Amino acid sequence: DVDVDVLASQVERASELIRLCRDRIGNAKMQIDTVVGGLET
């Protein structure tokens, strides 16, 4: 059996981690775009 409270807690934690990863990926993409933009000019 799966404890619903434990599952809800794990889903909430997963959501936080996904949000953190998206932020970090977004920041890395902006840095890469800046570097590539500098190479193209």
Protein backbone atom coordinates (compact mmCIF):
# COMPACT_ATOMS: atom_id res chain seq x y z
CA ASP A 1 0.00 0.00 0.00
CA VAL A 2 1.08 3.54 -0.73
CA ASP A 3 0.66 6.14 2.00
CA VAL A 4 -1.12 9.06 0.35
CA ASP A 5 0.57 11.61 2.62
CA VAL A 6 4.02 10.26 1.78
CA LEU A 7 3.17 10.22 -1.91
CA ALA A 8 1.91 13.82 -1.76
CA SER A 9 5.12 14.87 -0.01
CA GLN A 10 7.24 13.14 -2.63
CA VAL A 11 5.27 14.74 -5.48
CA GLU A 12 5.71 18.16 -3.87
CA ARG A 13 9.47 17.58 -3.54
CA ALA A 14 9.68 16.40 -7.15
CA SER A 15 7.86 19.55 -8.24
CA GLU A 16 10.38 21.71 -6.35
CA LEU A 17 13.30 19.85 -7.95
CA ILE A 18 11.81 20.20 -11.44
CA ARG A 19 11.31 23.94 -10.89
CA LEU A 20 14.92 24.26 -9.67
CA CYS A 21 16.24 22.34 -12.68
CA ARG A 22 14.18 24.42 -15.11
CA ASP A 23 15.56 27.62 -13.55
CA ARG A 24 19.13 26.36 -13.79
CA ILE A 25 18.66 25.18 -17.37
CA GLY A 26 17.09 28.53 -18.28
CA ASN A 27 20.02 30.42 -16.76
CA ALA A 28 22.52 28.20 -18.57
CA LYS A 29 20.66 28.74 -21.85
CA MET A 30 20.84 32.52 -21.40
CA GLN A 31 24.59 32.30 -20.75
CA ILE A 32 25.09 30.10 -23.81
CA ASP A 33 23.01 32.46 -25.95
CA THR A 34 25.14 35.37 -24.75
CA VAL A 35 28.39 33.57 -25.57
CA VAL A 36 27.16 32.40 -28.97
CA GLY A 37 25.83 35.88 -29.71
CA GLY A 38 29.27 37.29 -28.96
CA LEU A 39 30.88 34.82 -31.34
CA GLU A 40 28.53 35.73 -34.18
CA THR A 41 29.31 39.45 -34.10
